Amino acid sequence: MTPVCVLLLPGTASPCNLQKHIAFLRSMHIYIQKVGGEIRLLYYNNKESDYEQSDGYKYMQKLQAKQHAMKDGDDNRGQVYVQVFQSKLENMDGSPPFFTVKAGPAAFGPDLDEDFLLTEAHVVHTEPQHGCTKLENAHAVRGKIVLMQRGSCMFVEKVRLVQQLGAVGAVIYNQRDGDTDKFFTMSGDGTDDVSIPSAFVTLEVGVQLRDYLLQGRPLFVSLSGLKWEEPGTSPIT
């Protein structure tokens, strides 16, 4: 059978190395083929008369549009800033933030820059810290911006879980050191069901926020596409 649509991806390893990701693609008749240094996603459909209306074809079209945008140097998401206050009162009285850092956006949920959104709330760290399984402190998540460490599951799965628990936003920090200048757009899974904003920060910033919270000291965070000062990591003391 000849595939209806073929998408070439760079790299030598499959981007869908987990069985559930492969199953997700196959449920839409999309299959992975590795040829040399290329990864091909092939979409098949027996109903050629209406294949353009199928979920698989639409998903492939979205991937192609995203790929073209990335080649043009545009990830379709604007700059995100995480602004940290030591208390809610500081933010309310117009005081400048404790510090401001640049952050990577998410390919899912609202675009903080384009939609001119501002999300503010106190911060809570998930237990366990990766936030991929049932949270031990689920009762503390509602109405908060949730801090989580990267790893163990997809970015979108972390945010989806805390959204279901009533969180208003999420900050995910890297689990590797040395990536201080590398920000990227956190990937989704093709399902458009996330309505809260999220941002990706470095390990250094995430550990500072986590350690501050572990001391029992409150933090109030603002997520937006706007900055109040030049970004720069200031140690929390």
Protein backbone atom coordinates (compact mmCIF):
# COMPACT_ATOMS: atom_id res chain seq x y z
CA MET A 1 0.00 0.00 0.00
CA THR A 2 1.29 3.50 -0.82
CA PRO A 3 1.27 5.98 2.07
CA VAL A 4 -0.96 9.01 1.68
CA CYS A 5 1.46 11.28 3.50
CA VAL A 6 5.16 10.99 4.41
CA LEU A 7 7.05 13.21 6.85
CA LEU A 8 10.85 13.11 7.17
CA LEU A 9 12.44 13.87 10.54
CA PRO A 10 16.15 14.48 11.20
CA GLY A 11 18.08 12.26 13.58
CA THR A 12 19.05 8.66 14.00
CA ALA A 13 16.84 7.59 16.91
CA SER A 14 13.10 7.26 16.95
CA PRO A 15 11.36 10.24 18.59
CA CYS A 16 8.65 7.83 19.79
CA ASN A 17 10.69 5.33 21.78
CA LEU A 18 7.91 4.64 24.25
CA GLN A 19 5.28 2.08 23.40
CA LYS A 20 2.41 4.38 24.28
CA HIS A 21 3.68 7.02 21.84
CA ILE A 22 3.95 4.42 19.09
CA ALA A 23 0.45 3.17 19.93
CA PHE A 24 -0.85 6.76 19.79
CA LEU A 25 0.51 7.14 16.26
CA ARG A 26 -0.73 3.74 15.13
CA SER A 27 -4.23 4.53 16.38
CA MET A 28 -4.27 7.13 13.59
CA HIS A 29 -2.65 4.76 11.04
CA ILE A 30 0.74 6.53 11.30
CA TYR A 31 3.80 4.29 11.29
CA ILE A 32 7.51 4.86 11.96
CA GLN A 33 10.17 3.86 9.44
CA LYS A 34 13.90 4.35 9.99
CA VAL A 35 15.98 4.69 6.82
CA GLY A 36 19.66 5.51 7.28
CA GLY A 37 19.88 8.78 9.18
CA GLU A 38 16.24 9.68 8.60
CA ILE A 39 13.07 8.88 10.47
CA ARG A 40 9.93 8.70 8.40
CA LEU A 41 6.38 8.97 9.63
CA LEU A 42 4.06 7.33 7.11
CA TYR A 43 0.31 7.74 7.14
CA TYR A 44 -1.88 5.07 5.53
CA ASN A 45 -5.62 5.14 4.95
CA ASN A 46 -7.77 2.64 3.09
CA LYS A 47 -10.58 5.15 2.61
CA GLU A 48 -8.92 7.34 0.01
CA SER A 49 -12.10 9.30 -0.68
CA ASP A 50 -12.19 10.95 2.74
CA TYR A 51 -8.64 10.64 4.03
CA GLU A 52 -8.30 14.44 4.30
CA GLN A 53 -10.90 14.37 7.09
CA SER A 54 -9.16 11.67 9.12
CA ASP A 55 -7.35 12.36 12.38
CA GLY A 56 -4.14 10.83 11.05
CA TYR A 57 -3.99 13.06 8.00
CA LYS A 58 -4.81 16.19 10.02
CA TYR A 59 -2.14 15.28 12.57
CA MET A 60 0.47 14.84 9.82
CA GLN A 61 -0.49 18.20 8.36
CA LYS A 62 0.04 19.84 11.75
CA LEU A 63 3.45 18.20 12.06
CA GLN A 64 4.43 19.38 8.59
CA ALA A 65 3.34 22.95 9.34
CA LYS A 66 5.34 22.89 12.57
CA GLN A 67 8.39 21.50 10.79
CA HIS A 68 8.27 24.22 8.14
CA ALA A 69 7.93 26.90 10.82
CA MET A 70 10.95 25.55 12.68
CA LYS A 71 13.03 25.54 9.50
CA ASP A 72 12.14 29.19 9.05
CA GLY A 73 13.42 29.89 12.56
CA ASP A 74 9.97 30.41 14.06
CA ASP A 75 8.57 28.02 16.66
CA ASN A 76 5.25 29.89 16.67
CA ARG A 77 5.63 30.69 20.36
CA GLY A 78 6.91 33.94 21.81
CA GLN A 79 9.32 34.58 24.65
CA VAL A 80 8.19 33.68 28.16
CA TYR A 81 9.40 35.24 31.39
CA VAL A 82 9.21 33.86 34.91
CA GLN A 83 9.17 36.64 37.49
CA VAL A 84 9.64 35.68 41.12
CA PHE A 85 8.44 37.62 44.18
CA GLN A 86 9.04 36.79 47.82
CA SER A 87 5.43 37.54 48.63
CA LYS A 88 2.14 38.39 46.95
CA LEU A 89 2.17 41.80 48.64
CA GLU A 90 5.38 42.77 46.82
CA ASN A 91 3.67 42.24 43.50
CA MET A 92 0.50 44.06 44.56
CA ASP A 93 2.31 47.20 45.73
CA GLY A 94 4.22 47.57 42.46
CA SER A 95 7.60 46.43 43.77
CA PRO A 96 9.99 44.99 41.17
CA PRO A 97 10.33 41.19 41.10
CA PHE A 98 12.88 39.40 43.23
CA PHE A 99 14.38 38.28 39.94
CA THR A 100 13.30 37.63 36.36
CA VAL A 101 14.48 34.81 34.08
CA LYS A 102 13.85 33.90 30.48
CA ALA A 103 12.01 30.63 30.00
CA GLY A 104 11.11 28.29 27.20
CA PRO A 105 7.45 28.23 26.07
CA ALA A 106 5.19 25.21 25.57
CA ALA A 107 3.71 24.00 22.29
CA PHE A 108 0.48 23.28 24.19
CA GLY A 109 -1.80 25.49 26.24
CA PRO A 110 -2.07 29.27 25.84
CA ASP A 111 0.69 31.32 24.20
CA LEU A 112 1.64 33.74 26.96
CA ASP A 113 3.29 36.16 24.53
CA GLU A 114 0.79 36.21 21.67
CA ASP A 115 -2.29 36.12 23.91
CA PHE A 116 -0.90 38.82 26.25
CA LEU A 117 -1.71 36.64 29.24
CA LEU A 118 -0.48 37.14 32.78
CA THR A 119 -0.78 34.29 35.27
CA GLU A 120 0.17 34.87 38.91
CA ALA A 121 -0.02 32.63 41.95
CA HIS A 122 1.90 31.18 44.86
CA VAL A 123 4.18 28.26 44.03
CA VAL A 124 4.13 24.67 45.26
CA HIS A 125 6.56 21.87 44.35
CA THR A 126 5.10 18.48 43.44
CA GLU A 127 5.75 15.38 45.50
CA PRO A 128 7.25 13.38 43.80
CA GLN A 129 9.31 16.08 42.14
CA HIS A 130 8.81 14.81 38.55
CA GLY A 131 5.04 15.15 38.89
CA CYS A 132 4.25 12.19 36.65
CA THR A 133 2.38 9.95 39.10
CA LYS A 134 -0.25 10.43 41.78
CA LEU A 135 0.84 13.43 43.84
CA GLU A 136 1.32 13.04 47.56
CA ASN A 137 0.52 16.75 47.99
CA ALA A 138 -2.37 16.91 45.51
CA HIS A 139 -4.42 18.86 48.06
CA ALA A 140 -1.92 21.75 47.87
CA VAL A 141 -2.02 22.22 44.09
CA ARG A 142 -5.36 23.98 43.54
CA GLY A 143 -4.97 27.64 42.66
CA LYS A 144 -1.17 27.41 42.54
CA ILE A 145 1.60 27.54 39.96
CA VAL A 146 3.24 24.13 40.24
CA LEU A 147 7.00 23.54 40.11
CA MET A 148 8.14 20.19 38.66
CA GLN A 149 11.37 18.61 37.46
CA ARG A 150 11.78 17.40 33.88
CA GLY A 151 11.82 13.65 33.24
CA SER A 152 9.87 10.38 33.70
CA CYS A 153 7.02 11.48 31.38
CA MET A 154 6.18 14.01 28.68
CA PHE A 155 5.98 17.72 29.46
CA VAL A 156 2.32 17.85 28.48
CA GLU A 157 1.48 14.92 30.75
CA LYS A 158 2.90 16.76 33.76
CA VAL A 159 0.91 19.91 33.01
CA ARG A 160 -2.25 17.97 32.21
CA LEU A 161 -2.08 16.18 35.57
CA VAL A 162 -1.73 19.33 37.68
CA GLN A 163 -4.39 21.08 35.59
CA GLN A 164 -6.81 18.32 36.55
CA LEU A 165 -5.95 19.01 40.19
CA GLY A 166 -6.80 22.71 39.84
CA ALA A 167 -3.39 24.29 39.19
CA VAL A 168 -3.36 27.61 37.31
CA GLY A 169 0.11 27.24 35.79
CA ALA A 170 3.29 25.17 35.76
CA VAL A 171 7.05 25.73 35.77
CA ILE A 172 9.18 22.76 34.71
CA TYR A 173 12.93 22.84 35.34
CA ASN A 174 15.65 20.88 33.60
CA GLN A 175 17.16 17.82 35.23
CA ARG A 176 20.57 18.33 33.61
CA ASP A 177 23.18 20.96 34.44
CA GLY A 178 25.06 22.94 31.80
CA ASP A 179 22.01 23.83 29.68
CA THR A 180 21.73 27.39 31.00
CA ASP A 181 21.54 28.96 27.55
CA LYS A 182 19.41 26.32 25.88
CA PHE A 183 15.70 27.02 25.86
CA PHE A 184 13.32 25.14 23.63
CA THR A 185 9.60 24.75 23.15
CA MET A 186 8.20 21.96 25.31
CA SER A 187 6.47 19.46 23.04
CA GLY A 188 2.89 18.23 23.27
CA ASP A 189 1.22 15.01 22.15
CA GLY A 190 -1.25 16.34 19.58
CA THR A 191 -4.16 16.59 22.02
CA ASP A 192 -5.45 20.12 22.59
CA ASP A 193 -6.82 19.81 26.13
CA VAL A 194 -4.42 21.95 28.17
CA SER A 195 -5.72 25.39 29.14
CA ILE A 196 -3.14 26.55 31.71
CA PRO A 197 0.22 28.16 30.81
CA SER A 198 3.59 26.57 31.47
CA ALA A 199 7.27 27.51 31.15
CA PHE A 200 10.61 25.70 31.05
CA VAL A 201 13.57 26.95 33.12
CA THR A 202 17.11 25.78 33.82
CA LEU A 203 18.18 23.36 36.53
CA GLU A 204 19.87 26.22 38.39
CA VAL A 205 16.68 28.27 38.60
CA GLY A 206 14.51 25.27 39.44
CA VAL A 207 16.76 24.15 42.30
CA GLN A 208 16.83 27.69 43.73
CA LEU A 209 13.04 27.82 43.75
CA ARG A 210 12.73 24.28 45.12
CA ASP A 211 15.21 24.87 47.95
CA TYR A 212 13.51 28.13 48.88
CA LEU A 213 10.17 26.32 49.15
CA LEU A 214 11.72 23.50 51.18
CA GLN A 215 12.71 26.11 53.76
CA GLY A 216 9.02 26.87 54.19
CA ARG A 217 9.33 30.33 52.63
CA PRO A 218 6.52 31.42 50.27
CA LEU A 219 7.14 32.36 46.67
CA PHE A 220 4.79 34.24 44.35
CA VAL A 221 5.44 33.82 40.63
CA SER A 222 4.23 35.62 37.51
CA LEU A 223 4.23 33.92 34.08
CA SER A 224 3.90 36.19 31.07
CA GLY A 225 5.40 37.33 27.79
CA LEU A 226 6.33 40.66 29.39
CA LYS A 227 9.31 41.51 31.59
CA TRP A 228 9.67 44.14 34.30
CA GLU A 229 13.47 44.12 34.34
CA GLU A 230 16.36 42.72 32.34
CA PRO A 231 16.40 38.94 32.78
CA GLY A 232 19.13 37.54 34.96
CA THR A 233 19.37 34.87 37.61
CA SER A 234 19.76 36.36 41.08
CA PRO A 235 20.52 33.85 43.84
CA ILE A 236 17.77 33.36 46.37
CA THR A 237 19.11 33.99 49.87
